[in-house]
Amino acid sequence: MSTAYEIPEVLDRREGPYGEVVLRRHGDLLQIIANGCFLMDTSDGRSERRLIDAALGALDDRPAPRVLIGGLGVGFSLAHAAANARWGRIAVVEREPAVIDWHRRGPLAELSRTALADPRTEIVEADLVTYVNETSATYDALCLDIDNGPGWTVTDGNEGLYAPAGLASCARVLRPGGVLAVWSAEPSPEFEETLRNAGFQHVRTEEIPVARGVPDVVHLGVRPG
């Protein structure tokens, strides 16, 4: 267990296409830092796992649904999806080459090795915003965990993803009846309304209790069809 007085150890530091990314060890935890901003660590993972389960639970009983995960992070979402035999193809879009490398050959491999070896898994090195605008692939679920929430994006370029045009692109890659699930560090009634205005149905928000502070949430919406 990490303690406040421990000094984090920098394991790797790289310049990526969107700035500096750092992998640190803080006690027993691994942490990813981007441009000096803490993104995530290996302390828990319940929110990332709930993101995957909430999307699957909102789907109908279609066989072998295909899921697109936006953001590899520390690998909790991917590992949890790969542990469930019900999922068909599992694609993960990650824009930072360093993060992919840390999973394939670095310290994060311990969390994702089994999932990466799963024949259902595909890692796509791309910006998620660009990918949903350009890909011809379609999915039954799109699980987004690339920001701290619709109102708290890691980079300015992500803001449009949560606006009507960006949500239209998300709907474009979803099959009829497909589910959009968006992780957020805080609830957003405004984003719920944006989802409805963008044409998503059965919009709701699931709360995920955390150790302290405001609960994490997963925003859910279903593409009509």
Protein backbone atom coordinates (compact mmCIF):
# COMPACT_ATOMS: atom_id res chain seq x y z
CA MET A 1 0.00 0.00 0.00
CA SER A 2 1.34 3.42 -0.94
CA THR A 3 1.69 6.11 1.70
CA ALA A 4 1.70 9.87 1.32
CA TYR A 5 5.37 10.25 2.25
CA GLU A 6 6.71 7.82 -0.33
CA ILE A 7 8.38 9.48 -3.30
CA PRO A 8 7.13 8.15 -6.66
CA GLU A 9 9.77 6.48 -8.81
CA VAL A 10 9.77 7.41 -12.50
CA LEU A 11 9.99 4.19 -14.51
CA ASP A 12 9.75 5.76 -17.97
CA ARG A 13 9.28 9.20 -19.44
CA ARG A 14 8.55 9.82 -23.13
CA GLU A 15 7.49 12.55 -25.50
CA GLY A 16 4.37 11.33 -27.26
CA PRO A 17 2.29 12.84 -30.05
CA TYR A 18 0.27 14.82 -27.47
CA GLY A 19 3.02 15.75 -25.04
CA GLU A 20 4.90 14.08 -22.23
CA VAL A 21 3.72 10.79 -20.74
CA VAL A 22 5.25 9.29 -17.61
CA LEU A 23 4.94 5.91 -15.94
CA ARG A 24 5.64 6.02 -12.21
CA ARG A 25 5.71 3.53 -9.36
CA HIS A 26 4.35 4.80 -6.04
CA GLY A 27 4.68 2.04 -3.50
CA ASP A 28 2.69 -0.87 -4.91
CA LEU A 29 0.90 1.29 -7.47
CA LEU A 30 1.70 2.12 -11.08
CA GLN A 31 0.62 5.57 -12.23
CA ILE A 32 0.25 7.23 -15.64
CA ILE A 33 0.89 10.98 -15.80
CA ALA A 34 0.27 13.05 -18.95
CA ASN A 35 1.71 16.55 -19.26
CA GLY A 36 2.01 16.71 -15.49
CA CYS A 37 -1.62 15.69 -14.92
CA PHE A 38 -2.40 12.49 -13.02
CA LEU A 39 -4.56 10.25 -15.21
CA MET A 40 -4.95 6.90 -13.48
CA ASP A 41 -3.30 4.25 -11.36
CA THR A 42 -3.62 0.58 -10.47
CA SER A 43 -5.19 1.18 -7.05
CA ASP A 44 -8.69 -0.09 -7.70
CA GLY A 45 -10.27 -0.54 -11.12
CA ARG A 46 -13.88 -0.90 -10.04
CA SER A 47 -14.96 2.06 -12.19
CA GLU A 48 -13.24 0.67 -15.29
CA ARG A 49 -14.79 -2.75 -14.73
CA ARG A 50 -18.22 -1.25 -14.14
CA LEU A 51 -17.92 0.66 -17.42
CA ILE A 52 -17.67 -2.65 -19.28
CA ASP A 53 -20.38 -4.41 -17.26
CA ALA A 54 -22.82 -1.51 -17.58
CA ALA A 55 -22.46 -1.51 -21.37
CA LEU A 56 -22.99 -5.27 -21.58
CA GLY A 57 -25.96 -5.09 -19.22
CA ALA A 58 -27.63 -2.46 -21.39
CA LEU A 59 -27.35 -4.62 -24.51
CA ASP A 60 -29.95 -7.10 -25.66
CA ASP A 61 -29.08 -10.81 -25.83
CA ARG A 62 -27.32 -10.62 -29.22
CA PRO A 63 -24.56 -13.23 -29.57
CA ALA A 64 -20.86 -12.30 -29.30
CA PRO A 65 -21.30 -8.50 -29.15
CA ARG A 66 -18.34 -6.44 -30.34
CA VAL A 67 -16.96 -3.80 -27.99
CA LEU A 68 -14.77 -0.80 -28.73
CA ILE A 69 -12.92 0.55 -25.69
CA GLY A 70 -11.65 4.10 -25.91
CA GLY A 71 -8.44 4.28 -23.89
CA LEU A 72 -6.12 1.45 -22.79
CA GLY A 73 -5.03 3.17 -19.57
CA VAL A 74 -3.68 0.72 -17.01
CA GLY A 75 -5.65 -2.09 -18.65
CA PHE A 76 -8.50 -2.72 -16.21
CA SER A 77 -11.26 -2.33 -18.82
CA LEU A 78 -9.54 -4.55 -21.37
CA ALA A 79 -8.72 -7.25 -18.83
CA HIS A 80 -12.28 -7.27 -17.53
CA ALA A 81 -13.79 -7.51 -21.01
CA ALA A 82 -11.43 -10.33 -21.99
CA ALA A 83 -12.37 -12.24 -18.82
CA ASN A 84 -15.98 -12.42 -20.04
CA ALA A 85 -16.56 -15.09 -22.68
CA ARG A 86 -19.73 -13.37 -23.88
CA TRP A 87 -17.87 -10.58 -25.68
CA GLY A 88 -16.90 -11.16 -29.29
CA ARG A 89 -14.27 -8.84 -30.77
CA ILE A 90 -12.60 -6.54 -28.22
CA ALA A 91 -10.94 -3.52 -29.84
CA VAL A 92 -9.05 -0.93 -27.81
CA VAL A 93 -8.10 2.45 -29.28
CA GLU A 94 -5.07 4.06 -27.62
CA ARG A 95 -3.31 7.13 -29.01
CA GLU A 96 -0.13 6.99 -26.90
CA PRO A 97 2.50 4.56 -28.27
CA ALA A 98 4.22 4.59 -24.87
CA VAL A 99 1.13 3.26 -23.09
CA ILE A 100 0.80 0.42 -25.61
CA ASP A 101 4.48 -0.40 -25.18
CA TRP A 102 4.22 -0.44 -21.37
CA HIS A 103 1.51 -3.08 -21.74
CA ARG A 104 3.30 -5.18 -24.33
CA ARG A 105 6.83 -5.06 -22.96
CA GLY A 106 6.78 -3.02 -19.76
CA PRO A 107 5.53 -3.02 -16.17
CA LEU A 108 1.83 -2.92 -17.13
CA ALA A 109 2.11 -6.27 -18.92
CA GLU A 110 1.33 -8.02 -15.65
CA LEU A 111 -2.20 -6.58 -15.78
CA SER A 112 -2.91 -7.12 -19.47
CA ARG A 113 -0.80 -10.05 -20.66
CA THR A 114 -3.67 -12.56 -20.71
CA ALA A 115 -6.06 -10.11 -22.38
CA LEU A 116 -3.53 -9.14 -25.06
CA ALA A 117 -2.98 -12.81 -25.86
CA ASP A 118 -6.71 -13.35 -26.31
CA PRO A 119 -7.49 -13.81 -30.03
CA ARG A 120 -10.53 -11.55 -29.66
CA THR A 121 -8.34 -8.58 -28.69
CA GLU A 122 -7.09 -5.92 -31.10
CA ILE A 123 -5.09 -2.84 -30.09
CA VAL A 124 -5.52 0.11 -32.46
CA GLU A 125 -2.95 2.91 -32.17
CA ALA A 126 -5.04 5.96 -33.06
CA ASP A 127 -6.76 8.99 -31.65
CA LEU A 128 -10.28 7.95 -30.64
CA VAL A 129 -11.87 11.10 -32.06
CA THR A 130 -10.25 10.46 -35.43
CA TYR A 131 -11.05 6.77 -35.30
CA VAL A 132 -14.80 7.14 -34.77
CA ASN A 133 -14.91 9.65 -37.61
CA GLU A 134 -13.02 7.52 -40.10
CA THR A 135 -13.42 3.80 -39.34
CA SER A 136 -15.76 1.59 -41.32
CA ALA A 137 -15.96 -0.93 -38.46
CA THR A 138 -19.09 -1.11 -36.33
CA TYR A 139 -19.61 -2.27 -32.77
CA ASP A 140 -22.34 -3.23 -30.34
CA ALA A 141 -20.84 -1.24 -27.49
CA LEU A 142 -18.57 1.79 -27.29
CA CYS A 143 -16.97 2.33 -23.88
CA LEU A 144 -15.20 5.67 -23.46
CA ASP A 145 -12.60 6.28 -20.76
CA ILE A 146 -10.22 8.74 -22.39
CA ASP A 147 -10.99 11.76 -20.18
CA ASN A 148 -12.01 12.56 -16.62
CA GLY A 149 -15.49 13.21 -17.96
CA PRO A 150 -17.40 15.18 -20.61
CA GLY A 151 -16.60 18.44 -18.84
CA TRP A 152 -13.03 17.60 -17.84
CA THR A 153 -11.08 16.51 -20.91
CA VAL A 154 -7.40 15.56 -20.97
CA THR A 155 -6.80 17.56 -24.17
CA ASP A 156 -8.84 20.32 -25.78
CA GLY A 157 -9.32 18.26 -28.94
CA ASN A 158 -11.49 15.79 -27.02
CA GLU A 159 -14.18 18.33 -26.13
CA GLY A 160 -16.03 17.88 -29.39
CA LEU A 161 -16.51 14.18 -28.73
CA TYR A 162 -19.16 14.97 -26.12
CA ALA A 163 -20.95 17.57 -28.27
CA PRO A 164 -23.73 16.68 -30.75
CA ALA A 165 -21.37 16.20 -33.71
CA GLY A 166 -19.04 13.97 -31.72
CA LEU A 167 -21.91 11.90 -30.37
CA ALA A 168 -23.18 11.50 -33.93
CA SER A 169 -19.79 9.99 -34.80
CA CYS A 170 -20.09 7.65 -31.82
CA ALA A 171 -23.56 6.61 -32.97
CA ARG A 172 -22.16 6.02 -36.47
CA VAL A 173 -19.86 3.24 -35.26
CA LEU A 174 -22.63 1.61 -33.21
CA ARG A 175 -24.93 -1.00 -34.65
CA PRO A 176 -28.69 -0.49 -34.16
CA GLY A 177 -29.48 -1.00 -30.49
CA GLY A 178 -25.80 -0.52 -29.62
CA VAL A 179 -24.76 1.07 -26.33
CA LEU A 180 -22.58 4.10 -25.64
CA ALA A 181 -21.05 4.07 -22.15
CA VAL A 182 -19.02 7.07 -20.95
CA TRP A 183 -17.01 7.07 -17.73
CA SER A 184 -16.90 10.30 -15.72
CA ALA A 185 -15.43 11.42 -12.42
CA GLU A 186 -18.66 13.25 -11.63
CA PRO A 187 -22.32 13.23 -12.69
CA SER A 188 -23.41 15.56 -15.50
CA PRO A 189 -27.13 16.17 -16.04
CA GLU A 190 -26.11 18.45 -18.92
CA PHE A 191 -24.39 15.57 -20.70
CA GLU A 192 -27.44 13.37 -20.16
CA GLU A 193 -29.51 16.00 -21.94
CA THR A 194 -26.95 16.22 -24.75
CA LEU A 195 -27.18 12.45 -25.20
CA ARG A 196 -30.96 12.65 -25.50
CA ASN A 197 -30.77 15.55 -27.93
CA ALA A 198 -28.29 13.55 -30.03
CA GLY A 199 -30.91 10.83 -30.43
CA PHE A 200 -29.78 8.29 -27.85
CA GLN A 201 -32.54 6.44 -26.01
CA HIS A 202 -32.81 4.93 -22.51
CA VAL A 203 -30.31 7.52 -21.23
CA ARG A 204 -29.31 6.99 -17.62
CA THR A 205 -26.41 7.38 -15.23
CA GLU A 206 -25.01 4.71 -12.92
CA GLU A 207 -23.10 5.79 -9.83
CA ILE A 208 -19.94 3.98 -8.72
CA PRO A 209 -19.05 4.52 -5.02
CA VAL A 210 -15.49 5.62 -4.31
CA ALA A 211 -13.46 5.77 -1.11
CA ARG A 212 -14.10 9.49 -0.65
CA GLY A 213 -15.71 12.37 -2.49
CA VAL A 214 -18.28 12.42 -5.31
CA PRO A 215 -19.04 8.99 -6.85
CA ASP A 216 -17.68 8.12 -10.27
CA VAL A 217 -20.41 7.52 -12.84
CA VAL A 218 -21.10 5.78 -16.13
CA HIS A 219 -23.39 7.61 -18.56
CA LEU A 220 -25.35 5.23 -20.79
CA GLY A 221 -27.34 5.71 -23.98
CA VAL A 222 -28.71 3.34 -26.63
CA ARG A 223 -28.64 3.98 -30.37
CA PRO A 224 -32.15 3.56 -31.80
CA GLY A 225 -32.84 0.70 -34.14
